[in-house]
mmCIF file of all heavy atoms, coordinates in Angstrom:
data_MODEL
# 
_entry.id   MODEL 
# 
loop_
_atom_site.group_PDB 
_atom_site.id 
_atom_site.type_symbol 
_atom_site.label_atom_id 
_atom_site.label_alt_id 
_atom_site.label_comp_id 
_atom_site.label_asym_id 
_atom_site.label_entity_id 
_atom_site.label_seq_id 
_atom_site.pdbx_PDB_ins_code 
_atom_site.Cartn_x 
_atom_site.Cartn_y 
_atom_site.Cartn_z 
_atom_site.occupancy 
_atom_site.B_iso_or_equiv 
_atom_site.pdbx_formal_charge 
_atom_site.auth_seq_id 
_atom_site.auth_comp_id 
_atom_site.auth_asym_id 
_atom_site.auth_atom_id 
_atom_site.pdbx_PDB_model_num 
ATOM 1   N N   . GLN A 1 1  ? 119.322 129.199 89.133  1.00 0.00 ? 1  GLN A N   1 
ATOM 2   C CA  . GLN A 1 1  ? 119.314 128.578 87.821  1.00 0.00 ? 1  GLN A CA  1 
ATOM 3   C C   . GLN A 1 1  ? 120.142 127.291 87.834  1.00 0.00 ? 1  GLN A C   1 
ATOM 4   O O   . GLN A 1 1  ? 121.041 127.120 88.657  1.00 0.00 ? 1  GLN A O   1 
ATOM 5   C CB  . GLN A 1 1  ? 119.859 129.538 86.765  1.00 0.00 ? 1  GLN A CB  1 
ATOM 6   C CG  . GLN A 1 1  ? 118.968 130.754 86.551  1.00 0.00 ? 1  GLN A CG  1 
ATOM 7   C CD  . GLN A 1 1  ? 119.376 131.548 85.326  1.00 0.00 ? 1  GLN A CD  1 
ATOM 8   O OE1 . GLN A 1 1  ? 119.951 131.002 84.381  1.00 0.00 ? 1  GLN A OE1 1 
ATOM 9   N NE2 . GLN A 1 1  ? 119.064 132.836 85.313  1.00 0.00 ? 1  GLN A NE2 1 
ATOM 10  N N   . LEU A 1 2  ? 119.845 126.408 86.908  1.00 0.00 ? 2  LEU A N   1 
ATOM 11  C CA  . LEU A 1 2  ? 120.512 125.120 86.881  1.00 0.00 ? 2  LEU A CA  1 
ATOM 12  C C   . LEU A 1 2  ? 122.011 125.245 86.636  1.00 0.00 ? 2  LEU A C   1 
ATOM 13  O O   . LEU A 1 2  ? 122.770 124.331 86.965  1.00 0.00 ? 2  LEU A O   1 
ATOM 14  C CB  . LEU A 1 2  ? 119.887 124.224 85.800  1.00 0.00 ? 2  LEU A CB  1 
ATOM 15  C CG  . LEU A 1 2  ? 118.600 123.482 86.194  1.00 0.00 ? 2  LEU A CG  1 
ATOM 16  C CD1 . LEU A 1 2  ? 117.422 124.440 86.355  1.00 0.00 ? 2  LEU A CD1 1 
ATOM 17  C CD2 . LEU A 1 2  ? 118.250 122.431 85.145  1.00 0.00 ? 2  LEU A CD2 1 
ATOM 18  N N   . ARG A 1 3  ? 122.445 126.354 86.065  1.00 0.00 ? 3  ARG A N   1 
ATOM 19  C CA  . ARG A 1 3  ? 123.878 126.532 85.766  1.00 0.00 ? 3  ARG A CA  1 
ATOM 20  C C   . ARG A 1 3  ? 124.555 127.494 86.742  1.00 0.00 ? 3  ARG A C   1 
ATOM 21  O O   . ARG A 1 3  ? 125.689 127.903 86.513  1.00 0.00 ? 3  ARG A O   1 
ATOM 22  C CB  . ARG A 1 3  ? 124.043 127.042 84.329  1.00 0.00 ? 3  ARG A CB  1 
ATOM 23  C CG  . ARG A 1 3  ? 123.275 128.306 84.019  1.00 0.00 ? 3  ARG A CG  1 
ATOM 24  C CD  . ARG A 1 3  ? 123.256 128.595 82.530  1.00 0.00 ? 3  ARG A CD  1 
ATOM 25  N NE  . ARG A 1 3  ? 122.315 129.660 82.204  1.00 0.00 ? 3  ARG A NE  1 
ATOM 26  C CZ  . ARG A 1 3  ? 122.653 130.815 81.647  1.00 0.00 ? 3  ARG A CZ  1 
ATOM 27  N NH1 . ARG A 1 3  ? 123.913 131.066 81.355  1.00 0.00 ? 3  ARG A NH1 1 
ATOM 28  N NH2 . ARG A 1 3  ? 121.736 131.718 81.364  1.00 0.00 ? 3  ARG A NH2 1 
ATOM 29  N N   . ASP A 1 4  ? 123.891 127.817 87.869  1.00 0.00 ? 4  ASP A N   1 
ATOM 30  C CA  . ASP A 1 4  ? 124.484 128.702 88.878  1.00 0.00 ? 4  ASP A CA  1 
ATOM 31  C C   . ASP A 1 4  ? 125.412 127.899 89.787  1.00 0.00 ? 4  ASP A C   1 
ATOM 32  O O   . ASP A 1 4  ? 125.132 127.665 90.973  1.00 0.00 ? 4  ASP A O   1 
ATOM 33  C CB  . ASP A 1 4  ? 123.395 129.390 89.718  1.00 0.00 ? 4  ASP A CB  1 
ATOM 34  C CG  . ASP A 1 4  ? 122.663 130.476 88.967  1.00 0.00 ? 4  ASP A CG  1 
ATOM 35  O OD1 . ASP A 1 4  ? 123.181 130.906 87.924  1.00 0.00 ? 4  ASP A OD1 1 
ATOM 36  O OD2 . ASP A 1 4  ? 121.585 130.893 89.419  1.00 0.00 ? 4  ASP A OD2 1 
ATOM 37  N N   . TRP A 1 5  ? 126.555 127.470 89.249  1.00 0.00 ? 5  TRP A N   1 
ATOM 38  C CA  . TRP A 1 5  ? 127.436 126.561 89.991  1.00 0.00 ? 5  TRP A CA  1 
ATOM 39  C C   . TRP A 1 5  ? 128.070 127.209 91.215  1.00 0.00 ? 5  TRP A C   1 
ATOM 40  O O   . TRP A 1 5  ? 128.564 126.496 92.105  1.00 0.00 ? 5  TRP A O   1 
ATOM 41  C CB  . TRP A 1 5  ? 128.533 126.039 89.062  1.00 0.00 ? 5  TRP A CB  1 
ATOM 42  C CG  . TRP A 1 5  ? 127.984 125.223 87.930  1.00 0.00 ? 5  TRP A CG  1 
ATOM 43  C CD1 . TRP A 1 5  ? 127.926 125.567 86.619  1.00 0.00 ? 5  TRP A CD1 1 
ATOM 44  C CD2 . TRP A 1 5  ? 127.385 123.923 88.021  1.00 0.00 ? 5  TRP A CD2 1 
ATOM 45  N NE1 . TRP A 1 5  ? 127.331 124.566 85.883  1.00 0.00 ? 5  TRP A NE1 1 
ATOM 46  C CE2 . TRP A 1 5  ? 126.995 123.535 86.715  1.00 0.00 ? 5  TRP A CE2 1 
ATOM 47  C CE3 . TRP A 1 5  ? 127.125 123.038 89.069  1.00 0.00 ? 5  TRP A CE3 1 
ATOM 48  C CZ2 . TRP A 1 5  ? 126.371 122.329 86.441  1.00 0.00 ? 5  TRP A CZ2 1 
ATOM 49  C CZ3 . TRP A 1 5  ? 126.509 121.826 88.807  1.00 0.00 ? 5  TRP A CZ3 1 
ATOM 50  C CH2 . TRP A 1 5  ? 126.138 121.474 87.497  1.00 0.00 ? 5  TRP A CH2 1 
ATOM 51  N N   . ASP A 1 6  ? 128.054 128.548 91.291  1.00 0.00 ? 6  ASP A N   1 
ATOM 52  C CA  . ASP A 1 6  ? 128.648 129.201 92.458  1.00 0.00 ? 6  ASP A CA  1 
ATOM 53  C C   . ASP A 1 6  ? 127.615 129.518 93.541  1.00 0.00 ? 6  ASP A C   1 
ATOM 54  O O   . ASP A 1 6  ? 127.967 130.062 94.585  1.00 0.00 ? 6  ASP A O   1 
ATOM 55  C CB  . ASP A 1 6  ? 129.387 130.478 92.046  1.00 0.00 ? 6  ASP A CB  1 
ATOM 56  C CG  . ASP A 1 6  ? 128.473 131.472 91.328  1.00 0.00 ? 6  ASP A CG  1 
ATOM 57  O OD1 . ASP A 1 6  ? 127.333 131.088 90.980  1.00 0.00 ? 6  ASP A OD1 1 
ATOM 58  O OD2 . ASP A 1 6  ? 128.903 132.620 91.104  1.00 0.00 ? 6  ASP A OD2 1 
ATOM 59  N N   . ALA A 1 7  ? 126.348 129.167 93.316  1.00 0.00 ? 7  ALA A N   1 
ATOM 60  C CA  . ALA A 1 7  ? 125.291 129.467 94.292  1.00 0.00 ? 7  ALA A CA  1 
ATOM 61  C C   . ALA A 1 7  ? 125.173 128.333 95.310  1.00 0.00 ? 7  ALA A C   1 
ATOM 62  O O   . ALA A 1 7  ? 124.102 127.769 95.518  1.00 0.00 ? 7  ALA A O   1 
ATOM 63  C CB  . ALA A 1 7  ? 123.962 129.692 93.571  1.00 0.00 ? 7  ALA A CB  1 
ATOM 64  N N   . TYR A 1 8  ? 126.284 128.026 95.963  1.00 0.00 ? 8  TYR A N   1 
ATOM 65  C CA  . TYR A 1 8  ? 126.334 126.838 96.825  1.00 0.00 ? 8  TYR A CA  1 
ATOM 66  C C   . TYR A 1 8  ? 125.630 127.044 98.166  1.00 0.00 ? 8  TYR A C   1 
ATOM 67  O O   . TYR A 1 8  ? 124.714 126.284 98.519  1.00 0.00 ? 8  TYR A O   1 
ATOM 68  C CB  . TYR A 1 8  ? 127.790 126.443 97.057  1.00 0.00 ? 8  TYR A CB  1 
ATOM 69  C CG  . TYR A 1 8  ? 127.952 125.208 97.913  1.00 0.00 ? 8  TYR A CG  1 
ATOM 70  C CD1 . TYR A 1 8  ? 127.891 123.938 97.361  1.00 0.00 ? 8  TYR A CD1 1 
ATOM 71  C CD2 . TYR A 1 8  ? 128.153 125.309 99.289  1.00 0.00 ? 8  TYR A CD2 1 
ATOM 72  C CE1 . TYR A 1 8  ? 128.033 122.797 98.142  1.00 0.00 ? 8  TYR A CE1 1 
ATOM 73  C CE2 . TYR A 1 8  ? 128.298 124.181 100.088 1.00 0.00 ? 8  TYR A CE2 1 
ATOM 74  C CZ  . TYR A 1 8  ? 128.229 122.934 99.504  1.00 0.00 ? 8  TYR A CZ  1 
ATOM 75  O OH  . TYR A 1 8  ? 128.351 121.804 100.288 1.00 0.00 ? 8  TYR A OH  1 
ATOM 76  N N   . ASP A 1 9  ? 126.028 128.036 98.919  1.00 0.00 ? 9  ASP A N   1 
ATOM 77  C CA  . ASP A 1 9  ? 125.566 128.171 100.301 1.00 0.00 ? 9  ASP A CA  1 
ATOM 78  C C   . ASP A 1 9  ? 124.054 128.333 100.403 1.00 0.00 ? 9  ASP A C   1 
ATOM 79  O O   . ASP A 1 9  ? 123.397 127.642 101.193 1.00 0.00 ? 9  ASP A O   1 
ATOM 80  C CB  . ASP A 1 9  ? 126.269 129.348 100.980 1.00 0.00 ? 9  ASP A CB  1 
ATOM 81  C CG  . ASP A 1 9  ? 127.757 129.089 101.177 1.00 0.00 ? 9  ASP A CG  1 
ATOM 82  O OD1 . ASP A 1 9  ? 128.108 127.982 101.639 1.00 0.00 ? 9  ASP A OD1 1 
ATOM 83  O OD2 . ASP A 1 9  ? 128.564 129.982 100.860 1.00 0.00 ? 9  ASP A OD2 1 
ATOM 84  N N   . GLU A 1 10 ? 123.500 129.241 99.601  1.00 0.00 ? 10 GLU A N   1 
ATOM 85  C CA  . GLU A 1 10 ? 122.057 129.474 99.693  1.00 0.00 ? 10 GLU A CA  1 
ATOM 86  C C   . GLU A 1 10 ? 121.257 128.263 99.224  1.00 0.00 ? 10 GLU A C   1 
ATOM 87  O O   . GLU A 1 10 ? 120.161 127.982 99.728  1.00 0.00 ? 10 GLU A O   1 
ATOM 88  C CB  . GLU A 1 10 ? 121.654 130.726 98.899  1.00 0.00 ? 10 GLU A CB  1 
ATOM 89  C CG  . GLU A 1 10 ? 121.984 130.689 97.415  1.00 0.00 ? 10 GLU A CG  1 
ATOM 90  C CD  . GLU A 1 10 ? 123.317 131.326 97.069  1.00 0.00 ? 10 GLU A CD  1 
ATOM 91  O OE1 . GLU A 1 10 ? 124.287 131.094 97.817  1.00 0.00 ? 10 GLU A OE1 1 
ATOM 92  O OE2 . GLU A 1 10 ? 123.379 132.051 96.058  1.00 0.00 ? 10 GLU A OE2 1 
ATOM 93  N N   . THR A 1 11 ? 121.792 127.519 98.262  1.00 0.00 ? 11 THR A N   1 
ATOM 94  C CA  . THR A 1 11 ? 121.080 126.351 97.754  1.00 0.00 ? 11 THR A CA  1 
ATOM 95  C C   . THR A 1 11 ? 121.088 125.220 98.775  1.00 0.00 ? 11 THR A C   1 
ATOM 96  O O   . THR A 1 11 ? 120.072 124.559 99.006  1.00 0.00 ? 11 THR A O   1 
ATOM 97  C CB  . THR A 1 11 ? 121.713 125.877 96.434  1.00 0.00 ? 11 THR A CB  1 
ATOM 98  O OG1 . THR A 1 11 ? 121.805 126.991 95.532  1.00 0.00 ? 11 THR A OG1 1 
ATOM 99  C CG2 . THR A 1 11 ? 120.864 124.792 95.792  1.00 0.00 ? 11 THR A CG2 1 
ATOM 100 N N   . VAL A 1 12 ? 122.235 124.991 99.406  1.00 0.00 ? 12 VAL A N   1 
ATOM 101 C CA  . VAL A 1 12 ? 122.312 123.975 100.463 1.00 0.00 ? 12 VAL A CA  1 
ATOM 102 C C   . VAL A 1 12 ? 121.371 124.332 101.609 1.00 0.00 ? 12 VAL A C   1 
ATOM 103 O O   . VAL A 1 12 ? 120.654 123.461 102.142 1.00 0.00 ? 12 VAL A O   1 
ATOM 104 C CB  . VAL A 1 12 ? 123.765 123.838 100.975 1.00 0.00 ? 12 VAL A CB  1 
ATOM 105 C CG1 . VAL A 1 12 ? 123.812 122.954 102.219 1.00 0.00 ? 12 VAL A CG1 1 
ATOM 106 C CG2 . VAL A 1 12 ? 124.658 123.260 99.887  1.00 0.00 ? 12 VAL A CG2 1 
ATOM 107 N N   . GLU A 1 13 ? 121.354 125.594 101.986 1.00 0.00 ? 13 GLU A N   1 
ATOM 108 C CA  . GLU A 1 13 ? 120.483 126.024 103.087 1.00 0.00 ? 13 GLU A CA  1 
ATOM 109 C C   . GLU A 1 13 ? 119.012 125.804 102.742 1.00 0.00 ? 13 GLU A C   1 
ATOM 110 O O   . GLU A 1 13 ? 118.220 125.395 103.605 1.00 0.00 ? 13 GLU A O   1 
ATOM 111 C CB  . GLU A 1 13 ? 120.742 127.511 103.393 1.00 0.00 ? 13 GLU A CB  1 
ATOM 112 C CG  . GLU A 1 13 ? 119.873 128.084 104.509 1.00 0.00 ? 13 GLU A CG  1 
ATOM 113 C CD  . GLU A 1 13 ? 120.127 127.464 105.873 1.00 0.00 ? 13 GLU A CD  1 
ATOM 114 O OE1 . GLU A 1 13 ? 121.181 126.810 106.049 1.00 0.00 ? 13 GLU A OE1 1 
ATOM 115 O OE2 . GLU A 1 13 ? 119.274 127.616 106.766 1.00 0.00 ? 13 GLU A OE2 1 
ATOM 116 N N   . ALA A 1 14 ? 118.630 126.055 101.486 1.00 0.00 ? 14 ALA A N   1 
ATOM 117 C CA  . ALA A 1 14 ? 117.233 125.835 101.078 1.00 0.00 ? 14 ALA A CA  1 
ATOM 118 C C   . ALA A 1 14 ? 116.859 124.363 101.228 1.00 0.00 ? 14 ALA A C   1 
ATOM 119 O O   . ALA A 1 14 ? 115.746 124.035 101.654 1.00 0.00 ? 14 ALA A O   1 
ATOM 120 C CB  . ALA A 1 14 ? 117.037 126.290 99.628  1.00 0.00 ? 14 ALA A CB  1 
ATOM 121 N N   . GLY A 1 15 ? 117.777 123.464 100.900 1.00 0.00 ? 15 GLY A N   1 
ATOM 122 C CA  . GLY A 1 15 ? 117.506 122.040 101.060 1.00 0.00 ? 15 GLY A CA  1 
ATOM 123 C C   . GLY A 1 15 ? 117.398 121.643 102.507 1.00 0.00 ? 15 GLY A C   1 
ATOM 124 O O   . GLY A 1 15 ? 116.543 120.807 102.881 1.00 0.00 ? 15 GLY A O   1 
ATOM 125 N N   . TYR A 1 16 ? 118.243 122.215 103.351 1.00 0.00 ? 16 TYR A N   1 
ATOM 126 C CA  . TYR A 1 16 ? 118.206 121.923 104.793 1.00 0.00 ? 16 TYR A CA  1 
ATOM 127 C C   . TYR A 1 16 ? 116.880 122.354 105.402 1.00 0.00 ? 16 TYR A C   1 
ATOM 128 O O   . TYR A 1 16 ? 116.225 121.589 106.118 1.00 0.00 ? 16 TYR A O   1 
ATOM 129 C CB  . TYR A 1 16 ? 119.373 122.639 105.469 1.00 0.00 ? 16 TYR A CB  1 
ATOM 130 C CG  . TYR A 1 16 ? 119.440 122.465 106.962 1.00 0.00 ? 16 TYR A CG  1 
ATOM 131 C CD1 . TYR A 1 16 ? 120.128 121.404 107.529 1.00 0.00 ? 16 TYR A CD1 1 
ATOM 132 C CD2 . TYR A 1 16 ? 118.811 123.361 107.814 1.00 0.00 ? 16 TYR A CD2 1 
ATOM 133 C CE1 . TYR A 1 16 ? 120.202 121.242 108.902 1.00 0.00 ? 16 TYR A CE1 1 
ATOM 134 C CE2 . TYR A 1 16 ? 118.866 123.216 109.187 1.00 0.00 ? 16 TYR A CE2 1 
ATOM 135 C CZ  . TYR A 1 16 ? 119.566 122.156 109.733 1.00 0.00 ? 16 TYR A CZ  1 
ATOM 136 O OH  . TYR A 1 16 ? 119.617 122.001 111.086 1.00 0.00 ? 16 TYR A OH  1 
ATOM 137 N N   . VAL A 1 17 ? 116.471 123.581 105.102 1.00 0.00 ? 17 VAL A N   1 
ATOM 138 C CA  . VAL A 1 17 ? 115.224 124.120 105.658 1.00 0.00 ? 17 VAL A CA  1 
ATOM 139 C C   . VAL A 1 17 ? 114.020 123.307 105.178 1.00 0.00 ? 17 VAL A C   1 
ATOM 140 O O   . VAL A 1 17 ? 113.129 122.962 105.961 1.00 0.00 ? 17 VAL A O   1 
ATOM 141 C CB  . VAL A 1 17 ? 115.069 125.609 105.266 1.00 0.00 ? 17 VAL A CB  1 
ATOM 142 C CG1 . VAL A 1 17 ? 113.679 126.128 105.628 1.00 0.00 ? 17 VAL A CG1 1 
ATOM 143 C CG2 . VAL A 1 17 ? 116.144 126.455 105.943 1.00 0.00 ? 17 VAL A CG2 1 
ATOM 144 N N   . ALA A 1 18 ? 113.989 122.992 103.881 1.00 0.00 ? 18 ALA A N   1 
ATOM 145 C CA  . ALA A 1 18 ? 112.852 122.242 103.332 1.00 0.00 ? 18 ALA A CA  1 
ATOM 146 C C   . ALA A 1 18 ? 112.771 120.845 103.935 1.00 0.00 ? 18 ALA A C   1 
ATOM 147 O O   . ALA A 1 18 ? 111.672 120.316 104.155 1.00 0.00 ? 18 ALA A O   1 
ATOM 148 C CB  . ALA A 1 18 ? 112.979 122.154 101.804 1.00 0.00 ? 18 ALA A CB  1 
ATOM 149 N N   . THR A 1 19 ? 113.911 120.232 104.215 1.00 0.00 ? 19 THR A N   1 
ATOM 150 C CA  . THR A 1 19 ? 113.913 118.881 104.791 1.00 0.00 ? 19 THR A CA  1 
ATOM 151 C C   . THR A 1 19 ? 113.413 118.902 106.221 1.00 0.00 ? 19 THR A C   1 
ATOM 152 O O   . THR A 1 19 ? 112.617 118.041 106.627 1.00 0.00 ? 19 THR A O   1 
ATOM 153 C CB  . THR A 1 19 ? 115.329 118.281 104.722 1.00 0.00 ? 19 THR A CB  1 
ATOM 154 O OG1 . THR A 1 19 ? 115.771 118.293 103.368 1.00 0.00 ? 19 THR A OG1 1 
ATOM 155 C CG2 . THR A 1 19 ? 115.339 116.854 105.249 1.00 0.00 ? 19 THR A CG2 1 
ATOM 156 N N   . MET A 1 20 ? 113.877 119.850 107.011 1.00 0.00 ? 20 MET A N   1 
ATOM 157 C CA  . MET A 1 20 ? 113.393 119.969 108.381 1.00 0.00 ? 20 MET A CA  1 
ATOM 158 C C   . MET A 1 20 ? 111.871 120.161 108.413 1.00 0.00 ? 20 MET A C   1 
ATOM 159 O O   . MET A 1 20 ? 111.171 119.551 109.220 1.00 0.00 ? 20 MET A O   1 
ATOM 160 C CB  . MET A 1 20 ? 114.081 121.155 109.073 1.00 0.00 ? 20 MET A CB  1 
ATOM 161 C CG  . MET A 1 20 ? 115.530 120.885 109.449 1.00 0.00 ? 20 MET A CG  1 
ATOM 162 S SD  . MET A 1 20 ? 115.658 119.579 110.706 1.00 0.00 ? 20 MET A SD  1 
ATOM 163 C CE  . MET A 1 20 ? 117.370 119.722 111.200 1.00 0.00 ? 20 MET A CE  1 
ATOM 164 N N   . LYS A 1 21 ? 111.361 120.960 107.484 1.00 0.00 ? 21 LYS A N   1 
ATOM 165 C CA  . LYS A 1 21 ? 109.924 121.189 107.421 1.00 0.00 ? 21 LYS A CA  1 
ATOM 166 C C   . LYS A 1 21 ? 109.172 119.944 106.979 1.00 0.00 ? 21 LYS A C   1 
ATOM 167 O O   . LYS A 1 21 ? 108.108 119.614 107.506 1.00 0.00 ? 21 LYS A O   1 
ATOM 168 C CB  . LYS A 1 21 ? 109.629 122.344 106.458 1.00 0.00 ? 21 LYS A CB  1 
ATOM 169 C CG  . LYS A 1 21 ? 108.144 122.699 106.353 1.00 0.00 ? 21 LYS A CG  1 
ATOM 170 C CD  . LYS A 1 21 ? 107.931 123.890 105.427 1.00 0.00 ? 21 LYS A CD  1 
ATOM 171 C CE  . LYS A 1 21 ? 106.440 124.229 105.329 1.00 0.00 ? 21 LYS A CE  1 
ATOM 172 N NZ  . LYS A 1 21 ? 106.218 125.396 104.421 1.00 0.00 ? 21 LYS A NZ  1 
ATOM 173 N N   . ALA A 1 22 ? 109.730 119.205 106.008 1.00 0.00 ? 22 ALA A N   1 
ATOM 174 C CA  . ALA A 1 22 ? 109.057 118.023 105.470 1.00 0.00 ? 22 ALA A CA  1 
ATOM 175 C C   . ALA A 1 22 ? 108.915 116.923 106.514 1.00 0.00 ? 22 ALA A C   1 
ATOM 176 O O   . ALA A 1 22 ? 107.963 116.131 106.466 1.00 0.00 ? 22 ALA A O   1 
ATOM 177 C CB  . ALA A 1 22 ? 109.825 117.491 104.256 1.00 0.00 ? 22 ALA A CB  1 
ATOM 178 N N   . PHE A 1 23 ? 109.835 116.852 107.478 1.00 0.00 ? 23 PHE A N   1 
ATOM 179 C CA  . PHE A 1 23 ? 109.795 115.791 108.482 1.00 0.00 ? 23 PHE A CA  1 
ATOM 180 C C   . PHE A 1 23 ? 108.964 116.157 109.706 1.00 0.00 ? 23 PHE A C   1 
ATOM 181 O O   . PHE A 1 23 ? 108.820 115.330 110.611 1.00 0.00 ? 23 PHE A O   1 
ATOM 182 C CB  . PHE A 1 23 ? 111.219 115.429 108.918 1.00 0.00 ? 23 PHE A CB  1 
ATOM 183 C CG  . PHE A 1 23 ? 111.856 114.388 108.042 1.00 0.00 ? 23 PHE A CG  1 
ATOM 184 C CD1 . PHE A 1 23 ? 112.663 114.753 106.975 1.00 0.00 ? 23 PHE A CD1 1 
ATOM 185 C CD2 . PHE A 1 23 ? 111.645 113.038 108.278 1.00 0.00 ? 23 PHE A CD2 1 
ATOM 186 C CE1 . PHE A 1 23 ? 113.254 113.804 106.164 1.00 0.00 ? 23 PHE A CE1 1 
ATOM 187 C CE2 . PHE A 1 23 ? 112.226 112.078 107.471 1.00 0.00 ? 23 PHE A CE2 1 
ATOM 188 C CZ  . PHE A 1 23 ? 113.033 112.455 106.411 1.00 0.00 ? 23 PHE A CZ  1 
ATOM 189 N N   . GLU A 1 24 ? 108.423 117.371 109.741 1.00 0.00 ? 24 GLU A N   1 
ATOM 190 C CA  . GLU A 1 24 ? 107.613 117.761 110.896 1.00 0.00 ? 24 GLU A CA  1 
ATOM 191 C C   . GLU A 1 24 ? 106.399 116.843 111.021 1.00 0.00 ? 24 GLU A C   1 
ATOM 192 O O   . GLU A 1 24 ? 105.644 116.649 110.075 1.00 0.00 ? 24 GLU A O   1 
ATOM 193 C CB  . GLU A 1 24 ? 107.152 119.208 110.755 1.00 0.00 ? 24 GLU A CB  1 
ATOM 194 C CG  . GLU A 1 24 ? 108.267 120.228 110.951 1.00 0.00 ? 24 GLU A CG  1 
ATOM 195 C CD  . GLU A 1 24 ? 107.767 121.656 110.785 1.00 0.00 ? 24 GLU A CD  1 
ATOM 196 O OE1 . GLU A 1 24 ? 106.549 121.835 110.519 1.00 0.00 ? 24 GLU A OE1 1 
ATOM 197 O OE2 . GLU A 1 24 ? 108.580 122.592 110.903 1.00 0.00 ? 24 GLU A OE2 1 
ATOM 198 N N   . GLY A 1 25 ? 106.224 116.266 112.194 1.00 0.00 ? 25 GLY A N   1 
ATOM 199 C CA  . GLY A 1 25 ? 105.082 115.386 112.444 1.00 0.00 ? 25 GLY A CA  1 
ATOM 200 C C   . GLY A 1 25 ? 105.265 113.964 111.951 1.00 0.00 ? 25 GLY A C   1 
ATOM 201 O O   . GLY A 1 25 ? 104.394 113.117 112.172 1.00 0.00 ? 25 GLY A O   1 
ATOM 202 N N   . LYS A 1 26 ? 106.378 113.669 111.285 1.00 0.00 ? 26 LYS A N   1 
ATOM 203 C CA  . LYS A 1 26 ? 106.626 112.314 110.797 1.00 0.00 ? 26 LYS A CA  1 
ATOM 204 C C   . LYS A 1 26 ? 107.219 111.460 111.922 1.00 0.00 ? 26 LYS A C   1 
ATOM 205 O O   . LYS A 1 26 ? 107.958 111.950 112.768 1.00 0.00 ? 26 LYS A O   1 
ATOM 206 C CB  . LYS A 1 26 ? 107.571 112.321 109.606 1.00 0.00 ? 26 LYS A CB  1 
ATOM 207 C CG  . LYS A 1 26 ? 107.112 113.176 108.434 1.00 0.00 ? 26 LYS A CG  1 
ATOM 208 C CD  . LYS A 1 26 ? 105.879 112.619 107.749 1.00 0.00 ? 26 LYS A CD  1 
ATOM 209 C CE  . LYS A 1 26 ? 105.514 113.438 106.530 1.00 0.00 ? 26 LYS A CE  1 
ATOM 210 N NZ  . LYS A 1 26 ? 104.311 112.916 105.848 1.00 0.00 ? 26 LYS A NZ  1 
ATOM 211 N N   . LYS A 1 27 ? 106.898 110.175 111.914 1.00 0.00 ? 27 LYS A N   1 
ATOM 212 C CA  . LYS A 1 27 ? 107.360 109.255 112.956 1.00 0.00 ? 27 LYS A CA  1 
ATOM 213 C C   . LYS A 1 27 ? 108.400 108.264 112.427 1.00 0.00 ? 27 LYS A C   1 
ATOM 214 O O   . LYS A 1 27 ? 108.584 107.203 113.011 1.00 0.00 ? 27 LYS A O   1 
ATOM 215 C CB  . LYS A 1 27 ? 106.162 108.487 113.519 1.00 0.00 ? 27 LYS A CB  1 
ATOM 216 C CG  . LYS A 1 27 ? 105.065 109.364 114.100 1.00 0.00 ? 27 LYS A CG  1 
ATOM 217 C CD  . LYS A 1 27 ? 105.554 110.126 115.333 1.00 0.00 ? 27 LYS A CD  1 
ATOM 218 C CE  . LYS A 1 27 ? 104.437 110.939 115.960 1.00 0.00 ? 27 LYS A CE  1 
ATOM 219 N NZ  . LYS A 1 27 ? 104.904 111.719 117.140 1.00 0.00 ? 27 LYS A NZ  1 
ATOM 220 N N   . ILE A 1 28 ? 109.065 108.616 111.354 1.00 0.00 ? 28 ILE A N   1 
ATOM 221 C CA  . ILE A 1 28 ? 109.976 107.663 110.728 1.00 0.00 ? 28 ILE A CA  1 
ATOM 222 C C   . ILE A 1 28 ? 111.140 107.315 111.647 1.00 0.00 ? 28 ILE A C   1 
ATOM 223 O O   . ILE A 1 28 ? 111.535 106.146 111.761 1.00 0.00 ? 28 ILE A O   1 
ATOM 224 C CB  . ILE A 1 28 ? 110.470 108.217 109.383 1.00 0.00 ? 28 ILE A CB  1 
ATOM 225 C CG1 . ILE A 1 28 ? 109.318 108.174 108.368 1.00 0.00 ? 28 ILE A CG1 1 
ATOM 226 C CG2 . ILE A 1 28 ? 111.677 107.423 108.861 1.00 0.00 ? 28 ILE A CG2 1 
ATOM 227 C CD1 . ILE A 1 28 ? 109.676 108.665 107.000 1.00 0.00 ? 28 ILE A CD1 1 
# 
């Protein structure tokens, strides 16, 4: 939730995983 200020670790990890996936096959 937007007000889950203590949900740090799992939220950061979700961003890390999604970014690694988004760059797959990209040549940037």
